[in-house]
N, C-alpha and C. Protein backbone atom coordinates (compact mmCIF):
# COMPACT_ATOMS: atom_id res chain seq x y z
N MET A 1 192.52 213.97 215.16
CA MET A 1 192.76 212.70 215.81
C MET A 1 194.17 212.22 215.44
N SER A 2 194.92 211.83 216.43
CA SER A 2 196.28 211.39 216.16
C SER A 2 196.37 209.87 216.17
N VAL A 3 197.44 209.38 215.62
CA VAL A 3 197.70 207.94 215.56
C VAL A 3 198.51 207.56 216.79
N ARG A 4 198.11 206.48 217.45
CA ARG A 4 198.85 206.01 218.63
C ARG A 4 200.29 205.71 218.25
N ALA A 5 201.20 205.97 219.16
CA ALA A 5 202.63 205.81 218.90
C ALA A 5 202.97 204.40 218.42
N ASN A 6 202.36 203.37 219.00
CA ASN A 6 202.70 202.00 218.61
C ASN A 6 202.09 201.61 217.27
N GLU A 7 201.20 202.44 216.70
CA GLU A 7 200.59 202.15 215.41
C GLU A 7 201.23 202.96 214.28
N ARG A 8 202.13 203.84 214.65
CA ARG A 8 202.82 204.65 213.63
C ARG A 8 203.86 203.80 212.93
N ASN A 9 204.08 204.10 211.66
CA ASN A 9 205.17 203.43 210.95
C ASN A 9 205.95 204.46 210.16
N GLN A 10 207.17 204.13 209.90
CA GLN A 10 208.04 205.03 209.16
C GLN A 10 207.75 204.87 207.67
N GLY A 11 207.27 205.91 207.04
CA GLY A 11 206.98 205.85 205.62
C GLY A 11 208.21 206.15 204.79
N GLU A 12 208.15 205.72 203.55
CA GLU A 12 209.24 206.03 202.63
C GLU A 12 209.15 207.49 202.24
N LEU A 13 210.25 208.04 201.88
CA LEU A 13 210.32 209.40 201.39
C LEU A 13 209.45 209.52 200.15
N THR A 14 208.64 210.55 200.07
CA THR A 14 207.69 210.72 198.97
C THR A 14 208.38 210.66 197.61
N VAL A 15 209.55 211.24 197.49
CA VAL A 15 210.25 211.25 196.20
C VAL A 15 210.57 209.82 195.74
N ILE A 16 210.85 208.95 196.67
CA ILE A 16 211.16 207.55 196.32
C ILE A 16 209.90 206.85 195.85
N ILE A 17 208.80 207.09 196.51
CA ILE A 17 207.52 206.50 196.10
C ILE A 17 207.16 206.98 194.69
N LYS A 18 207.31 208.27 194.44
CA LYS A 18 206.99 208.83 193.12
C LYS A 18 207.95 208.31 192.06
N ALA A 19 209.21 208.14 192.41
CA ALA A 19 210.19 207.61 191.45
C ALA A 19 209.85 206.16 191.10
N LYS A 20 209.39 205.40 192.08
CA LYS A 20 208.99 204.02 191.83
C LYS A 20 207.77 203.99 190.89
N GLU A 21 206.80 204.88 191.14
CA GLU A 21 205.62 204.96 190.27
C GLU A 21 206.02 205.34 188.84
N MET A 22 206.95 206.29 188.72
CA MET A 22 207.41 206.73 187.41
C MET A 22 208.14 205.60 186.68
N ALA A 23 208.98 204.86 187.39
CA ALA A 23 209.71 203.74 186.77
C ALA A 23 208.74 202.65 186.33
N ALA A 24 207.76 202.35 187.15
CA ALA A 24 206.77 201.33 186.79
C ALA A 24 205.95 201.78 185.58
N HIS A 25 205.57 203.05 185.54
CA HIS A 25 204.83 203.57 184.39
C HIS A 25 205.69 203.49 183.13
N THR A 26 206.95 203.82 183.26
CA THR A 26 207.87 203.76 182.13
C THR A 26 207.95 202.33 181.59
N LEU A 27 208.04 201.38 182.48
CA LEU A 27 208.10 199.97 182.06
C LEU A 27 206.82 199.57 181.34
N ARG A 28 205.68 199.96 181.89
CA ARG A 28 204.40 199.61 181.26
C ARG A 28 204.25 200.24 179.87
N ILE A 29 204.56 201.51 179.74
CA ILE A 29 204.36 202.20 178.46
C ILE A 29 205.35 201.73 177.40
N THR A 30 206.56 201.40 177.81
CA THR A 30 207.55 200.95 176.83
C THR A 30 207.33 199.49 176.42
N ASN A 31 206.64 198.72 177.25
CA ASN A 31 206.34 197.33 176.88
C ASN A 31 205.14 197.22 175.96
N ASN A 32 204.46 198.31 175.72
CA ASN A 32 203.31 198.32 174.82
C ASN A 32 203.81 198.53 173.39
N GLU A 33 203.62 197.52 172.54
CA GLU A 33 204.12 197.60 171.16
C GLU A 33 203.42 198.68 170.33
N LYS A 34 202.28 199.14 170.79
CA LYS A 34 201.61 200.25 170.09
C LYS A 34 202.39 201.54 170.28
N ASN A 35 203.10 201.64 171.39
CA ASN A 35 203.90 202.83 171.68
C ASN A 35 205.34 202.68 171.20
N PHE A 36 205.94 201.52 171.45
CA PHE A 36 207.34 201.28 171.14
C PHE A 36 207.48 199.95 170.40
N PRO A 37 207.71 200.00 169.10
CA PRO A 37 207.87 198.75 168.33
C PRO A 37 209.04 197.92 168.87
N LYS A 38 208.89 196.61 168.82
CA LYS A 38 209.91 195.69 169.35
C LYS A 38 211.29 195.92 168.73
N ARG A 39 211.32 196.26 167.47
CA ARG A 39 212.63 196.39 166.80
C ARG A 39 213.48 197.52 167.37
N TYR A 40 212.88 198.40 168.20
CA TYR A 40 213.62 199.50 168.81
C TYR A 40 213.99 199.23 170.27
N ARG A 41 213.76 198.00 170.73
CA ARG A 41 214.04 197.66 172.13
C ARG A 41 215.50 197.94 172.51
N LEU A 42 216.42 197.53 171.67
CA LEU A 42 217.84 197.66 172.02
C LEU A 42 218.38 199.06 171.77
N THR A 43 217.74 199.82 170.92
CA THR A 43 218.29 201.13 170.60
C THR A 43 217.76 202.23 171.52
N LEU A 44 216.47 202.31 171.71
CA LEU A 44 215.92 203.41 172.51
C LEU A 44 215.14 202.95 173.72
N THR A 45 214.29 201.96 173.54
CA THR A 45 213.39 201.55 174.61
C THR A 45 214.13 201.12 175.87
N ASN A 46 215.12 200.27 175.73
CA ASN A 46 215.86 199.80 176.91
C ASN A 46 216.60 200.95 177.59
N LYS A 47 217.07 201.92 176.82
CA LYS A 47 217.76 203.07 177.42
C LYS A 47 216.79 203.91 178.25
N ILE A 48 215.58 204.05 177.77
CA ILE A 48 214.56 204.80 178.51
C ILE A 48 214.23 204.08 179.82
N VAL A 49 214.03 202.79 179.75
CA VAL A 49 213.72 202.01 180.95
C VAL A 49 214.89 202.06 181.93
N ASP A 50 216.09 201.86 181.43
CA ASP A 50 217.28 201.90 182.29
C ASP A 50 217.40 203.25 183.00
N LYS A 51 217.17 204.34 182.27
CA LYS A 51 217.28 205.67 182.85
C LYS A 51 216.24 205.87 183.95
N ALA A 52 215.01 205.41 183.73
CA ALA A 52 213.96 205.54 184.74
C ALA A 52 214.31 204.76 186.00
N PHE A 53 214.84 203.55 185.81
CA PHE A 53 215.21 202.75 186.97
C PHE A 53 216.46 203.31 187.65
N ASP A 54 217.35 203.92 186.90
CA ASP A 54 218.52 204.58 187.50
C ASP A 54 218.09 205.73 188.41
N ILE A 55 217.10 206.48 187.98
CA ILE A 55 216.58 207.59 188.80
C ILE A 55 216.08 207.04 190.14
N TYR A 56 215.26 206.01 190.06
CA TYR A 56 214.72 205.40 191.27
C TYR A 56 215.85 204.88 192.17
N THR A 57 216.80 204.18 191.58
CA THR A 57 217.90 203.59 192.34
C THR A 57 218.77 204.66 193.00
N LEU A 58 219.09 205.71 192.27
CA LEU A 58 219.91 206.78 192.83
C LEU A 58 219.23 207.43 194.04
N LEU A 59 217.95 207.69 193.91
CA LEU A 59 217.23 208.32 195.03
C LEU A 59 217.13 207.37 196.22
N TYR A 60 216.92 206.11 195.94
CA TYR A 60 216.85 205.10 197.00
C TYR A 60 218.20 205.03 197.73
N GLU A 61 219.28 204.99 196.96
CA GLU A 61 220.62 204.93 197.55
C GLU A 61 220.94 206.20 198.34
N ALA A 62 220.54 207.35 197.82
CA ALA A 62 220.77 208.60 198.53
C ALA A 62 220.07 208.60 199.88
N ASN A 63 218.89 208.02 199.92
CA ASN A 63 218.14 207.95 201.17
C ASN A 63 218.81 207.04 202.19
N GLU A 64 219.56 206.06 201.71
CA GLU A 64 220.25 205.15 202.61
C GLU A 64 221.49 205.78 203.24
N LEU A 65 221.95 206.88 202.67
CA LEU A 65 223.14 207.56 203.19
C LEU A 65 222.72 208.69 204.12
N TYR A 66 222.81 208.48 205.41
CA TYR A 66 222.55 209.59 206.32
C TYR A 66 223.89 210.20 206.69
N PRO A 67 224.10 211.45 206.28
CA PRO A 67 225.42 212.07 206.43
C PRO A 67 225.84 212.31 207.89
N HIS A 68 227.05 211.87 208.19
CA HIS A 68 227.66 212.14 209.50
C HIS A 68 228.87 213.06 209.35
N ASN A 69 229.22 213.35 208.09
CA ASN A 69 230.33 214.27 207.84
C ASN A 69 230.13 214.88 206.45
N ALA A 70 230.98 215.82 206.11
CA ALA A 70 230.85 216.54 204.84
C ALA A 70 230.99 215.62 203.63
N ALA A 71 231.87 214.63 203.71
CA ALA A 71 232.07 213.71 202.59
C ALA A 71 230.81 212.88 202.33
N GLU A 72 230.17 212.42 203.39
CA GLU A 72 228.94 211.64 203.22
C GLU A 72 227.80 212.50 202.68
N LEU A 73 227.74 213.76 203.13
CA LEU A 73 226.74 214.68 202.59
C LEU A 73 226.97 214.91 201.11
N GLU A 74 228.22 215.08 200.72
CA GLU A 74 228.54 215.28 199.31
C GLU A 74 228.16 214.06 198.48
N MET A 75 228.41 212.87 199.01
CA MET A 75 228.05 211.64 198.30
C MET A 75 226.53 211.57 198.10
N ARG A 76 225.79 211.90 199.15
CA ARG A 76 224.33 211.88 199.08
C ARG A 76 223.83 212.91 198.07
N GLN A 77 224.39 214.11 198.13
CA GLN A 77 223.95 215.16 197.22
C GLN A 77 224.34 214.87 195.77
N ASN A 78 225.44 214.19 195.56
CA ASN A 78 225.81 213.79 194.20
C ASN A 78 224.78 212.84 193.61
N LYS A 79 224.29 211.91 194.42
CA LYS A 79 223.26 210.98 193.95
C LYS A 79 221.96 211.74 193.65
N GLN A 80 221.62 212.69 194.50
CA GLN A 80 220.42 213.50 194.28
C GLN A 80 220.56 214.32 192.98
N ARG A 81 221.72 214.95 192.80
CA ARG A 81 221.98 215.74 191.59
C ARG A 81 221.91 214.88 190.34
N GLN A 82 222.52 213.71 190.41
CA GLN A 82 222.54 212.82 189.26
C GLN A 82 221.12 212.37 188.91
N ALA A 83 220.31 212.08 189.91
CA ALA A 83 218.92 211.70 189.66
C ALA A 83 218.17 212.84 188.98
N MET A 84 218.40 214.07 189.41
CA MET A 84 217.74 215.21 188.78
C MET A 84 218.20 215.38 187.33
N ALA A 85 219.48 215.19 187.09
CA ALA A 85 220.00 215.29 185.72
C ALA A 85 219.43 214.17 184.84
N TYR A 86 219.29 212.99 185.41
CA TYR A 86 218.72 211.88 184.67
C TYR A 86 217.26 212.13 184.32
N CYS A 87 216.55 212.87 185.16
CA CYS A 87 215.16 213.22 184.83
C CYS A 87 215.13 214.04 183.53
N ARG A 88 216.06 214.97 183.39
CA ARG A 88 216.12 215.76 182.16
C ARG A 88 216.51 214.90 180.96
N SER A 89 217.46 213.99 181.17
CA SER A 89 217.86 213.08 180.09
C SER A 89 216.70 212.20 179.66
N LEU A 90 215.96 211.70 180.62
CA LEU A 90 214.82 210.85 180.32
C LEU A 90 213.78 211.62 179.51
N MET A 91 213.54 212.86 179.88
CA MET A 91 212.59 213.67 179.12
C MET A 91 213.07 213.88 177.68
N ALA A 92 214.35 214.07 177.50
CA ALA A 92 214.89 214.23 176.14
C ALA A 92 214.68 212.97 175.32
N MET A 93 214.90 211.81 175.92
CA MET A 93 214.68 210.55 175.20
C MET A 93 213.20 210.34 174.88
N ILE A 94 212.34 210.72 175.79
CA ILE A 94 210.90 210.59 175.56
C ILE A 94 210.47 211.53 174.44
N ASP A 95 211.06 212.70 174.38
CA ASP A 95 210.76 213.64 173.30
C ASP A 95 211.13 213.04 171.94
N ILE A 96 212.28 212.39 171.87
CA ILE A 96 212.70 211.71 170.64
C ILE A 96 211.72 210.59 170.30
N ALA A 97 211.34 209.81 171.31
CA ALA A 97 210.40 208.71 171.08
C ALA A 97 209.05 209.24 170.60
N LYS A 98 208.61 210.35 171.16
CA LYS A 98 207.33 210.94 170.75
C LYS A 98 207.36 211.29 169.27
N GLU A 99 208.43 211.93 168.84
CA GLU A 99 208.54 212.32 167.44
C GLU A 99 208.73 211.11 166.53
N THR A 100 209.49 210.14 166.98
CA THR A 100 209.79 208.97 166.16
C THR A 100 208.62 208.01 166.03
N PHE A 101 207.96 207.75 167.15
CA PHE A 101 206.91 206.73 167.17
C PHE A 101 205.49 207.30 167.18
N GLY A 102 205.37 208.61 167.27
CA GLY A 102 204.05 209.23 167.28
C GLY A 102 203.25 208.93 168.53
N ILE A 103 203.91 208.87 169.66
CA ILE A 103 203.21 208.63 170.92
C ILE A 103 202.31 209.83 171.18
N SER A 104 201.11 209.56 171.65
CA SER A 104 200.12 210.64 171.82
C SER A 104 200.60 211.68 172.83
N THR A 105 200.16 212.89 172.60
CA THR A 105 200.51 214.01 173.47
C THR A 105 200.02 213.78 174.88
N ASP A 106 198.84 213.17 175.03
CA ASP A 106 198.30 212.90 176.36
C ASP A 106 199.19 211.94 177.14
N LYS A 107 199.65 210.89 176.49
CA LYS A 107 200.53 209.92 177.15
C LYS A 107 201.85 210.57 177.56
N VAL A 108 202.39 211.36 176.67
CA VAL A 108 203.66 212.02 176.96
C VAL A 108 203.48 213.05 178.08
N ALA A 109 202.37 213.77 178.07
CA ALA A 109 202.10 214.78 179.10
C ALA A 109 202.01 214.13 180.48
N TYR A 110 201.32 213.01 180.56
CA TYR A 110 201.20 212.32 181.86
C TYR A 110 202.57 211.81 182.32
N TRP A 111 203.31 211.22 181.40
CA TRP A 111 204.65 210.71 181.70
C TRP A 111 205.56 211.85 182.15
N ALA A 112 205.51 212.95 181.42
CA ALA A 112 206.33 214.12 181.77
C ALA A 112 205.96 214.65 183.14
N LYS A 113 204.67 214.63 183.47
CA LYS A 113 204.22 215.08 184.78
C LYS A 113 204.84 214.23 185.88
N LEU A 114 204.87 212.92 185.68
CA LEU A 114 205.48 212.03 186.67
C LEU A 114 206.97 212.35 186.85
N ILE A 115 207.66 212.53 185.74
CA ILE A 115 209.10 212.81 185.79
C ILE A 115 209.36 214.16 186.43
N PHE A 116 208.57 215.17 186.05
CA PHE A 116 208.75 216.50 186.61
C PHE A 116 208.50 216.49 188.12
N GLU A 117 207.52 215.73 188.55
CA GLU A 117 207.22 215.63 189.97
C GLU A 117 208.40 215.02 190.73
N VAL A 118 208.99 213.97 190.17
CA VAL A 118 210.16 213.36 190.80
C VAL A 118 211.31 214.35 190.87
N ARG A 119 211.54 215.06 189.77
CA ARG A 119 212.64 216.03 189.74
C ARG A 119 212.41 217.15 190.75
N THR A 120 211.20 217.65 190.84
CA THR A 120 210.87 218.73 191.77
C THR A 120 211.05 218.27 193.22
N LEU A 121 210.57 217.08 193.53
CA LEU A 121 210.72 216.55 194.89
C LEU A 121 212.19 216.29 195.23
N ALA A 122 212.96 215.81 194.25
CA ALA A 122 214.39 215.58 194.48
C ALA A 122 215.12 216.90 194.73
N ALA A 123 214.75 217.92 193.99
CA ALA A 123 215.36 219.24 194.17
C ALA A 123 215.03 219.81 195.55
N ALA A 124 213.79 219.63 195.99
CA ALA A 124 213.39 220.10 197.32
C ALA A 124 214.15 219.35 198.41
N TRP A 125 214.31 218.04 198.21
CA TRP A 125 215.06 217.22 199.17
C TRP A 125 216.52 217.67 199.23
N PHE A 126 217.10 217.92 198.06
CA PHE A 126 218.48 218.40 197.98
C PHE A 126 218.64 219.71 198.76
N LYS A 127 217.72 220.64 198.53
CA LYS A 127 217.78 221.95 199.20
C LYS A 127 217.59 221.80 200.70
N LYS A 128 216.66 220.94 201.09
CA LYS A 128 216.41 220.72 202.52
C LYS A 128 217.64 220.14 203.20
N ASP A 129 218.30 219.18 202.53
CA ASP A 129 219.54 218.62 203.08
C ASP A 129 220.61 219.70 203.21
N ALA A 130 220.75 220.52 202.18
CA ALA A 130 221.76 221.58 202.20
C ALA A 130 221.51 222.54 203.38
N ASP A 131 220.25 222.88 203.58
CA ASP A 131 219.91 223.79 204.70
C ASP A 131 220.10 223.10 206.05
N ARG A 132 219.70 221.84 206.15
CA ARG A 132 219.76 221.12 207.42
C ARG A 132 221.20 220.90 207.88
N PHE A 133 222.08 220.59 206.95
CA PHE A 133 223.45 220.24 207.32
C PHE A 133 224.42 221.40 207.12
N LYS A 134 223.89 222.57 206.79
CA LYS A 134 224.71 223.74 206.48
C LYS A 134 225.76 224.06 207.53
N ASN A 135 225.38 224.10 208.76
CA ASN A 135 226.28 224.50 209.84
C ASN A 135 226.83 223.33 210.64
N GLN A 136 226.51 222.11 210.22
CA GLN A 136 226.98 220.96 211.00
C GLN A 136 228.36 220.49 210.60
N PHE A 137 228.75 220.69 209.37
CA PHE A 137 230.03 220.17 208.91
C PHE A 137 230.97 221.29 208.52
C-alpha cells in the first residue's frame, strides 16, 4: 500500500536523526553525576558534549549544502569528513572517561554503538555523494 502524494512528507536524512539521538544521549549521560562528577565539567565533560553537538551540527550543515559545482561539493564533503573524524575523537574521549570514572561497559557499549552508527551512515552518505556527483563537475 502506498502513501498518497499529498500525504507524503520529506523526512530528514537518517544520519541527522541518529546524530541528534547520539547528541541527546551524550547530554543525558554526561549530566548524570554518577557517571561524570561535577568537578570534571570544565575539563572533560563539556568537551565530550561539545564534540557530540559538533557532529550533529556538521552533518546538519552538510545537508543544507546541495552542490551545484565542485567547490560546493568539496565544502559538503569536508563537513562530512570532519563529522566522521569527530566521531573517532568522541570515542577516544569516552574511552578516557570510562577508565577515569569507571563508567560501566554496558553504558559505553551502547554509547559507542550510537556513535559508530552515525559514523557509518556519514561514510555511506559521503560515498553516495562522491558517486552521484562524480561525472557532474
